[in-house]
PDB file of N, CA and C in Angstrom:
ATOM      1  N   MET A   1      63.430 -99.118-193.475  1.00  0.00           N
ATOM      2  CA  MET A   1      64.188-100.311-192.987  1.00  0.00           C
ATOM      3  C   MET A   1      63.517-100.588-191.588  1.00  0.00           C
ATOM      4  N   SER A   2      63.148-101.715-191.369  1.00  0.00           N
ATOM      5  CA  SER A   2      62.564-102.189-190.098  1.00  0.00           C
ATOM      6  C   SER A   2      63.652-102.232-188.928  1.00  0.00           C
ATOM      7  N   ARG A   3      63.152-102.146-187.782  1.00  0.00           N
ATOM      8  CA  ARG A   3      64.140-102.068-186.663  1.00  0.00           C
ATOM      9  C   ARG A   3      64.935-103.472-186.664  1.00  0.00           C
ATOM     10  N   GLY A   4      64.195-104.616-186.890  1.00  0.00           N
ATOM     11  CA  GLY A   4      64.769-105.841-186.825  1.00  0.00           C
ATOM     12  C   GLY A   4      65.866-106.037-187.990  1.00  0.00           C
ATOM     13  N   SER A   5      65.848-105.305-188.816  1.00  0.00           N
ATOM     14  CA  SER A   5      66.936-105.496-189.953  1.00  0.00           C
ATOM     15  C   SER A   5      68.269-104.998-189.635  1.00  0.00           C
ATOM     16  N   VAL A   6      68.476-104.274-188.517  1.00  0.00           N
ATOM     17  CA  VAL A   6      69.692-103.781-188.036  1.00  0.00           C
ATOM     18  C   VAL A   6      70.044-104.551-186.748  1.00  0.00           C
ATOM     19  N   PRO A   7      70.969-105.549-186.643  1.00  0.00           N
ATOM     20  CA  PRO A   7      71.156-106.338-185.612  1.00  0.00           C
ATOM     21  C   PRO A   7      71.873-105.477-184.469  1.00  0.00           C
ATOM     22  N   GLY A   8      71.555-106.084-183.319  1.00  0.00           N
ATOM     23  CA  GLY A   8      72.053-105.444-182.081  1.00  0.00           C
ATOM     24  C   GLY A   8      73.331-106.198-181.699  1.00  0.00           C
ATOM     25  N   GLY A   9      73.611-106.130-180.388  1.00  0.00           N
ATOM     26  CA  GLY A   9      74.800-106.940-179.844  1.00  0.00           C
ATOM     27  C   GLY A   9      74.474-108.149-179.085  1.00  0.00           C
ATOM     28  N   VAL A  10      75.347-108.553-178.274  1.00  0.00           N
ATOM     29  CA  VAL A  10      75.087-109.813-177.577  1.00  0.00           C
ATOM     30  C   VAL A  10      74.429-109.638-176.233  1.00  0.00           C
ATOM     31  N   VAL A  11      74.879-108.474-175.501  1.00  0.00           N
ATOM     32  CA  VAL A  11      74.231-108.102-174.227  1.00  0.00           C
ATOM     33  C   VAL A  11      73.290-106.964-174.292  1.00  0.00           C
ATOM     34  N   HIS A  12      73.504-106.041-175.106  1.00  0.00           N
ATOM     35  CA  HIS A  12      72.745-104.850-175.331  1.00  0.00           C
ATOM     36  C   HIS A  12      71.889-104.864-176.558  1.00  0.00           C
ATOM     37  N   GLU A  13      70.701-104.344-176.386  1.00  0.00           N
ATOM     38  CA  GLU A  13      69.789-104.155-177.570  1.00  0.00           C
ATOM     39  C   GLU A  13      70.299-102.822-178.215  1.00  0.00           C
ATOM     40  N   LEU A  14      69.840-102.738-179.538  1.00  0.00           N
ATOM     41  CA  LEU A  14      70.231-101.668-180.239  1.00  0.00           C
ATOM     42  C   LEU A  14      69.339-100.485-179.917  1.00  0.00           C
ATOM     43  N   PRO A  15      69.909 -99.306-179.446  1.00  0.00           N
ATOM     44  CA  PRO A  15      69.186 -98.334-179.083  1.00  0.00           C
ATOM     45  C   PRO A  15      68.449 -97.502-180.258  1.00  0.00           C
ATOM     46  N   ALA A  16      67.365 -96.930-180.158  1.00  0.00           N
ATOM     47  CA  ALA A  16      66.672 -96.313-181.195  1.00  0.00           C
ATOM     48  C   ALA A  16      67.716 -95.187-181.963  1.00  0.00           C
ATOM     49  N   ASP A  17      68.323 -94.364-181.264  1.00  0.00           N
ATOM     50  CA  ASP A  17      68.912 -93.398-181.919  1.00  0.00           C
ATOM     51  C   ASP A  17      70.275 -93.869-182.667  1.00  0.00           C
ATOM     52  N   LEU A  18      70.852 -94.924-182.252  1.00  0.00           N
ATOM     53  CA  LEU A  18      72.018 -95.556-182.925  1.00  0.00           C
ATOM     54  C   LEU A  18      71.418 -96.246-184.137  1.00  0.00           C
ATOM     55  N   HIS A  19      70.220 -96.946-184.129  1.00  0.00           N
ATOM     56  CA  HIS A  19      69.487 -97.697-185.132  1.00  0.00           C
ATOM     57  C   HIS A  19      69.190 -96.668-186.292  1.00  0.00           C
ATOM     58  N   ASP A  20      68.670 -95.589-185.840  1.00  0.00           N
ATOM     59  CA  ASP A  20      68.259 -94.391-186.825  1.00  0.00           C
ATOM     60  C   ASP A  20      69.575 -93.947-187.617  1.00  0.00           C
ATOM     61  N   ALA A  21      70.684 -93.715-186.747  1.00  0.00           N
ATOM     62  CA  ALA A  21      71.847 -93.139-187.380  1.00  0.00           C
ATOM     63  C   ALA A  21      72.385 -94.235-188.407  1.00  0.00           C
ATOM     64  N   LEU A  22      72.387 -95.458-188.058  1.00  0.00           N
ATOM     65  CA  LEU A  22      73.050 -96.410-188.800  1.00  0.00           C
ATOM     66  C   LEU A  22      72.122 -96.648-190.060  1.00  0.00           C
ATOM     67  N   SER A  23      70.864 -96.670-189.907  1.00  0.00           N
ATOM     68  CA  SER A  23      69.812 -96.898-190.966  1.00  0.00           C
ATOM     69  C   SER A  23      69.988 -95.809-192.081  1.00  0.00           C
ATOM     70  N   GLY A  24      70.390 -94.598-191.664  1.00  0.00           N
ATOM     71  CA  GLY A  24      70.635 -93.503-192.706  1.00  0.00           C
ATOM     72  C   GLY A  24      71.980 -93.360-193.232  1.00  0.00           C
ATOM     73  N   ASN A  25      72.826 -94.340-192.964  1.00  0.00           N
ATOM     74  CA  ASN A  25      74.200 -94.218-193.429  1.00  0.00           C
ATOM     75  C   ASN A  25      74.523 -95.714-193.992  1.00  0.00           C
ATOM     76  N   ALA A  26      74.324 -95.763-195.406  1.00  0.00           N
ATOM     77  CA  ALA A  26      74.559 -97.107-195.997  1.00  0.00           C
ATOM     78  C   ALA A  26      76.047 -97.804-195.801  1.00  0.00           C
ATOM     79  N   VAL A  27      77.023 -96.892-195.783  1.00  0.00           N
ATOM     80  CA  VAL A  27      78.355 -97.382-195.652  1.00  0.00           C
ATOM     81  C   VAL A  27      78.560 -97.937-194.199  1.00  0.00           C
ATOM     82  N   ALA A  28      78.130 -97.185-193.129  1.00  0.00           N
ATOM     83  CA  ALA A  28      78.222 -97.538-191.827  1.00  0.00           C
ATOM     84  C   ALA A  28      77.327 -98.777-191.494  1.00  0.00           C
ATOM     85  N   LEU A  29      76.123 -98.792-192.019  1.00  0.00           N
ATOM     86  CA  LEU A  29      75.260 -99.989-191.921  1.00  0.00           C
ATOM     87  C   LEU A  29      75.916-101.296-192.486  1.00  0.00           C
ATOM     88  N   ALA A  30      76.507-101.270-193.635  1.00  0.00           N
ATOM     89  CA  ALA A  30      77.192-102.350-194.271  1.00  0.00           C
ATOM     90  C   ALA A  30      78.314-102.815-193.338  1.00  0.00           C
ATOM     91  N   ALA A  31      79.163-102.003-192.766  1.00  0.00           N
ATOM     92  CA  ALA A  31      80.233-102.213-191.932  1.00  0.00           C
ATOM     93  C   ALA A  31      79.651-102.899-190.711  1.00  0.00           C
ATOM     94  N   TRP A  32      78.436-102.269-190.105  1.00  0.00           N
ATOM     95  CA  TRP A  32      77.816-102.785-188.794  1.00  0.00           C
ATOM     96  C   TRP A  32      77.363-104.302-189.051  1.00  0.00           C
ATOM     97  N   GLN A  33      76.813-104.592-190.226  1.00  0.00           N
ATOM     98  CA  GLN A  33      76.299-105.823-190.513  1.00  0.00           C
ATOM     99  C   GLN A  33      77.389-106.927-190.706  1.00  0.00           C
ATOM    100  N   ASP A  34      78.611-106.370-191.078  1.00  0.00           N
ATOM    101  CA  ASP A  34      79.696-107.238-191.207  1.00  0.00           C
ATOM    102  C   ASP A  34      80.498-107.570-190.002  1.00  0.00           C
ATOM    103  N   ILE A  35      80.415-106.763-188.915  1.00  0.00           N
ATOM    104  CA  ILE A  35      81.201-107.066-187.638  1.00  0.00           C
ATOM    105  C   ILE A  35      80.306-108.121-186.818  1.00  0.00           C
ATOM    106  N   THR A  36      81.205-108.660-185.890  1.00  0.00           N
ATOM    107  CA  THR A  36      80.417-109.702-185.127  1.00  0.00           C
ATOM    108  C   THR A  36      79.570-109.012-184.027  1.00  0.00           C
ATOM    109  N   PRO A  37      78.735-109.904-183.567  1.00  0.00           N
ATOM    110  CA  PRO A  37      77.780-109.463-182.326  1.00  0.00           C
ATOM    111  C   PRO A  37      78.529-108.928-181.227  1.00  0.00           C
ATOM    112  N   LEU A  38      79.645-109.437-180.849  1.00  0.00           N
ATOM    113  CA  LEU A  38      80.487-108.835-179.779  1.00  0.00           C
ATOM    114  C   LEU A  38      81.067-107.449-180.061  1.00  0.00           C
ATOM    115  N   ALA A  39      81.442-107.338-181.302  1.00  0.00           N
ATOM    116  CA  ALA A  39      81.889-106.000-181.718  1.00  0.00           C
ATOM    117  C   ALA A  39      80.806-104.926-181.688  1.00  0.00           C
ATOM    118  N   ARG A  40      79.570-105.465-182.251  1.00  0.00           N
ATOM    119  CA  ARG A  40      78.445-104.467-182.065  1.00  0.00           C
ATOM    120  C   ARG A  40      78.126-104.183-180.673  1.00  0.00           C
ATOM    121  N   ASN A  41      78.235-105.181-179.807  1.00  0.00           N
ATOM    122  CA  ASN A  41      78.034-104.911-178.469  1.00  0.00           C
ATOM    123  C   ASN A  41      78.961-103.823-177.836  1.00  0.00           C
ATOM    124  N   GLU A  42      80.210-103.754-178.328  1.00  0.00           N
ATOM    125  CA  GLU A  42      81.094-102.869-177.788  1.00  0.00           C
ATOM    126  C   GLU A  42      80.608-101.442-178.218  1.00  0.00           C
ATOM    127  N   PHE A  43      80.275-101.253-179.360  1.00  0.00           N
ATOM    128  CA  PHE A  43      79.856 -99.919-179.878  1.00  0.00           C
ATOM    129  C   PHE A  43      78.534 -99.471-179.081  1.00  0.00           C
ATOM    130  N   ILE A  44      77.684-100.498-178.935  1.00  0.00           N
ATOM    131  CA  ILE A  44      76.404-100.125-178.178  1.00  0.00           C
ATOM    132  C   ILE A  44      76.672 -99.726-176.862  1.00  0.00           C
ATOM    133  N   CYS A  45      77.458-100.390-176.209  1.00  0.00           N
ATOM    134  CA  CYS A  45      77.894-100.136-174.687  1.00  0.00           C
ATOM    135  C   CYS A  45      78.448 -98.815-174.682  1.00  0.00           C
ATOM    136  N   TRP A  46      79.417 -98.527-175.489  1.00  0.00           N
ATOM    137  CA  TRP A  46      80.211 -97.329-175.528  1.00  0.00           C
ATOM    138  C   TRP A  46      79.264 -96.165-175.688  1.00  0.00           C
ATOM    139  N   VAL A  47      78.309 -96.174-176.690  1.00  0.00           N
ATOM    140  CA  VAL A  47      77.285 -95.198-176.847  1.00  0.00           C
ATOM    141  C   VAL A  47      76.370 -95.113-175.527  1.00  0.00           C
ATOM    142  N   ASP A  48      75.979 -96.221-174.963  1.00  0.00           N
ATOM    143  CA  ASP A  48      75.053 -96.158-173.848  1.00  0.00           C
ATOM    144  C   ASP A  48      75.766 -95.694-172.594  1.00  0.00           C
ATOM    145  N   ASP A  49      77.034 -95.760-172.517  1.00  0.00           N
ATOM    146  CA  ASP A  49      77.784 -95.338-171.329  1.00  0.00           C
ATOM    147  C   ASP A  49      77.935 -93.882-171.173  1.00  0.00           C
ATOM    148  N   ALA A  50      77.526 -93.060-172.182  1.00  0.00           N
ATOM    149  CA  ALA A  50      77.688 -91.667-172.318  1.00  0.00           C
ATOM    150  C   ALA A  50      76.639 -91.043-171.153  1.00  0.00           C
ATOM    151  N   LYS A  51      77.171 -90.152-170.418  1.00  0.00           N
ATOM    152  CA  LYS A  51      76.319 -89.567-169.389  1.00  0.00           C
ATOM    153  C   LYS A  51      75.524 -88.426-169.820  1.00  0.00           C
ATOM    154  N   GLN A  52      76.047 -87.679-170.753  1.00  0.00           N
ATOM    155  CA  GLN A  52      75.329 -86.439-171.289  1.00  0.00           C
ATOM    156  C   GLN A  52      74.889 -86.709-172.722  1.00  0.00           C
ATOM    157  N   THR A  53      73.859 -85.945-173.038  1.00  0.00           N
ATOM    158  CA  THR A  53      73.236 -86.061-174.484  1.00  0.00           C
ATOM    159  C   THR A  53      74.242 -85.749-175.528  1.00  0.00           C
ATOM    160  N   GLY A  54      74.981 -84.547-175.333  1.00  0.00           N
ATOM    161  CA  GLY A  54      75.999 -84.158-176.241  1.00  0.00           C
ATOM    162  C   GLY A  54      77.059 -85.307-176.575  1.00  0.00           C
ATOM    163  N   THR A  55      77.510 -85.969-175.426  1.00  0.00           N
ATOM    164  CA  THR A  55      78.551 -86.955-175.465  1.00  0.00           C
ATOM    165  C   THR A  55      77.879 -88.118-176.130  1.00  0.00           C
ATOM    166  N   ARG A  56      76.725 -88.490-175.937  1.00  0.00           N
ATOM    167  CA  ARG A  56      76.090 -89.561-176.672  1.00  0.00           C
ATOM    168  C   ARG A  56      75.889 -89.318-178.179  1.00  0.00           C
ATOM    169  N   GLU A  57      75.671 -88.134-178.561  1.00  0.00           N
ATOM    170  CA  GLU A  57      75.416 -87.708-180.029  1.00  0.00           C
ATOM    171  C   GLU A  57      76.753 -87.750-180.638  1.00  0.00           C
ATOM    172  N   ARG A  58      77.852 -87.344-179.922  1.00  0.00           N
ATOM    173  CA  ARG A  58      79.218 -87.484-180.492  1.00  0.00           C
ATOM    174  C   ARG A  58      79.695 -88.920-180.661  1.00  0.00           C
ATOM    175  N   ARG A  59      79.367 -89.731-179.734  1.00  0.00           N
ATOM    176  CA  ARG A  59      79.677 -91.110-179.826  1.00  0.00           C
ATOM    177  C   ARG A  59      78.954 -91.929-181.064  1.00  0.00           C
ATOM    178  N   ILE A  60      77.698 -91.471-181.152  1.00  0.00           N
ATOM    179  CA  ILE A  60      77.029 -92.095-182.287  1.00  0.00           C
ATOM    180  C   ILE A  60      77.551 -91.587-183.681  1.00  0.00           C
ATOM    181  N   ARG A  61      77.925 -90.272-183.725  1.00  0.00           N
ATOM    182  CA  ARG A  61      78.642 -89.821-185.026  1.00  0.00           C
ATOM    183  C   ARG A  61      79.914 -90.529-185.133  1.00  0.00           C
ATOM    184  N   ARG A  62      80.656 -90.656-184.088  1.00  0.00           N
ATOM    185  CA  ARG A  62      82.013 -91.361-184.225  1.00  0.00           C
ATOM    186  C   ARG A  62      81.907 -92.871-184.520  1.00  0.00           C
ATOM    187  N   THR A  63      80.802 -93.443-184.066  1.00  0.00           N
ATOM    188  CA  THR A  63      80.630 -94.823-184.443  1.00  0.00           C
ATOM    189  C   THR A  63      80.480 -94.950-185.904  1.00  0.00           C
ATOM    190  N   GLN A  64      79.675 -94.057-186.447  1.00  0.00           N
ATOM    191  CA  GLN A  64      79.430 -94.022-187.907  1.00  0.00           C
ATOM    192  C   GLN A  64      80.797 -93.854-188.621  1.00  0.00           C
ATOM    193  N   GLU A  65      81.597 -92.965-188.176  1.00  0.00           N
ATOM    194  CA  GLU A  65      82.891 -92.548-188.898  1.00  0.00           C
ATOM    195  C   GLU A  65      83.768 -93.700-188.724  1.00  0.00           C
ATOM    196  N   GLU A  66      83.821 -94.337-187.554  1.00  0.00           N
ATOM    197  CA  GLU A  66      84.790 -95.352-187.256  1.00  0.00           C
ATOM    198  C   GLU A  66      84.514 -96.649-188.220  1.00  0.00           C
ATOM    199  N   LEU A  67      83.168 -96.863-188.276  1.00  0.00           N
ATOM    200  CA  LEU A  67      82.733 -97.957-189.141  1.00  0.00           C
ATOM    201  C   LEU A  67      83.075 -97.655-190.644  1.00  0.00           C
ATOM    202  N   GLU A  68      82.813 -96.437-191.122  1.00  0.00           N
ATOM    203  CA  GLU A  68      83.146 -96.099-192.494  1.00  0.00           C
ATOM    204  C   GLU A  68      84.592 -96.283-192.752  1.00  0.00           C
ATOM    205  N   GLU A  69      85.430 -96.033-191.714  1.00  0.00           N
ATOM    206  CA  GLU A  69      86.943 -96.153-191.850  1.00  0.00           C
ATOM    207  C   GLU A  69      87.442 -97.621-191.815  1.00  0.00           C
ATOM    208  N   GLY A  70      86.510 -98.554-191.460  1.00  0.00           N
ATOM    209  CA  GLY A  70      86.886 -99.925-191.409  1.00  0.00           C
ATOM    210  C   GLY A  70      87.271-100.419-189.981  1.00  0.00           C
ATOM    211  N   GLN A  71      87.133 -99.581-188.979  1.00  0.00           N
ATOM    212  CA  GLN A  71      87.410-100.025-187.697  1.00  0.00           C
ATOM    213  C   GLN A  71      86.266-101.026-187.140  1.00  0.00           C
ATOM    214  N   ARG A  72      86.675-102.068-186.420  1.00  0.00           N
ATOM    215  CA  ARG A  72      85.627-103.066-186.211  1.00  0.00           C
ATOM    216  C   ARG A  72      85.300-103.005-184.605  1.00  0.00           C
ATOM    217  N   ARG A  73      85.983-102.141-183.805  1.00  0.00           N
ATOM    218  CA  ARG A  73      85.720-101.845-182.381  1.00  0.00           C
ATOM    219  C   ARG A  73      85.917-100.401-182.174  1.00  0.00           C
ATOM    220  N   PRO A  74      85.127 -99.884-181.061  1.00  0.00           N
ATOM    221  CA  PRO A  74      85.328 -98.392-180.850  1.00  0.00           C
ATOM    222  C   PRO A  74      86.843 -98.180-180.404  1.00  0.00           C
ATOM    223  N   CYS A  75      87.351 -97.076-180.872  1.00  0.00           N
ATOM    224  CA  CYS A  75      88.675 -96.635-180.569  1.00  0.00           C
ATOM    225  C   CYS A  75      88.786 -96.259-179.199  1.00  0.00           C
ATOM    226  N   CYS A  76      89.831 -96.572-178.462  1.00  0.00           N
ATOM    227  CA  CYS A  76      90.141 -96.153-177.030  1.00  0.00           C
ATOM    228  C   CYS A  76      89.100 -96.615-176.058  1.00  0.00           C
ATOM    229  N   TRP A  77      88.240 -97.626-176.284  1.00  0.00           N
ATOM    230  CA  TRP A  77      87.286 -98.143-175.424  1.00  0.00           C
ATOM    231  C   TRP A  77      87.746 -99.459-174.738  1.00  0.00           C
ATOM    232  N   PRO A  78      87.908 -99.587-173.383  1.00  0.00           N
ATOM    233  CA  PRO A  78      88.404-100.679-172.743  1.00  0.00           C
ATOM    234  C   PRO A  78      87.462-101.922-172.911  1.00  0.00           C
ATOM    235  N   GLY A  79      86.218-101.611-173.265  1.00  0.00           N
ATOM    236  CA  GLY A  79      85.412-102.884-173.526  1.00  0.00           C
ATOM    237  C   GLY A  79      84.168-102.889-172.614  1.00  0.00           C
ATOM    238  N   CYS A  80      83.164-103.561-172.953  1.00  0.00           N
ATOM    239  CA  CYS A  80      81.852-103.652-172.306  1.00  0.00           C
ATOM    240  C   CYS A  80      82.077-104.359-170.964  1.00  0.00           C
ATOM    241  N   THR A  81      81.720-103.666-169.890  1.00  0.00           N
ATOM    242  CA  THR A  81      81.900-104.399-168.488  1.00  0.00           C
ATOM    243  C   THR A  81      80.658-105.191-168.315  1.00  0.00           C
ATOM    244  N   HIS A  82      79.650-105.276-169.094  1.00  0.00           N
ATOM    245  CA  HIS A  82      78.470-106.030-168.837  1.00  0.00           C
ATOM    246  C   HIS A  82      78.637-107.471-169.443  1.00  0.00           C
ATOM    247  N   ARG A  83      79.585-107.670-170.219  1.00  0.00           N
ATOM    248  CA  ARG A  83      79.829-109.072-170.853  1.00  0.00           C
ATOM    249  C   ARG A  83      80.598-109.949-169.965  1.00  0.00           C
ATOM    250  N   GLU A  84      80.104-111.089-169.792  1.00  0.00           N
ATOM    251  CA  GLU A  84      80.816-112.050-169.028  1.00  0.00           C
ATOM    252  C   GLU A  84      82.040-112.719-169.806  1.00  0.00           C
ATOM    253  N   ARG A  85      83.011-113.227-169.086  1.00  0.00           N
ATOM    254  CA  ARG A  85      84.121-113.711-169.790  1.00  0.00           C
ATOM    255  C   ARG A  85      83.681-114.870-170.844  1.00  0.00           C
ATOM    256  N   SER A  86      82.661-115.522-170.695  1.00  0.00           N
ATOM    257  CA  SER A  86      82.094-116.442-171.689  1.00  0.00           C
ATOM    258  C   SER A  86      81.793-115.876-173.094  1.00  0.00           C
ATOM    259  N   GLY A  87      81.564-114.433-173.127  1.00  0.00           N
ATOM    260  CA  GLY A  87      81.188-113.839-174.242  1.00  0.00           C
ATOM    261  C   GLY A  87      79.678-113.670-174.312  1.00  0.00           C
ATOM    262  N   HIS A  88      78.969-113.763-173.185  1.00  0.00           N
ATOM    263  CA  HIS A  88      77.461-113.606-173.207  1.00  0.00           C
ATOM    264  C   HIS A  88      77.247-112.604-172.022  1.00  0.00           C
TER     265      HIS A  88
END
C-alpha cells in the first residue's frame, strides 16, 4: 500500500510509524478512512505529542484498538492545540 493511500489529518502529516501500523491492520485502516480529516488530525496529534518512545508506541497501539472499537476520536484527549478555531 502506498503512503498516499492512507490519508493524513488537516494540520498534521501522517507519521511513518502510524502509517505502517494502520497499513498492517485492515479493520483499523477501514475505520481510519471512514473518519473525518479533523478526527484523523486528533489521533495524529495525540501520537505526536508523546515525549517518550514507549508512550508513542502505546498510543499507536491504542489508536488501532480505539478505531477497531468504533471510536472516532482519541479517548481522553482534549484535542489538538495546533488547529485553529476555523478547523484548519
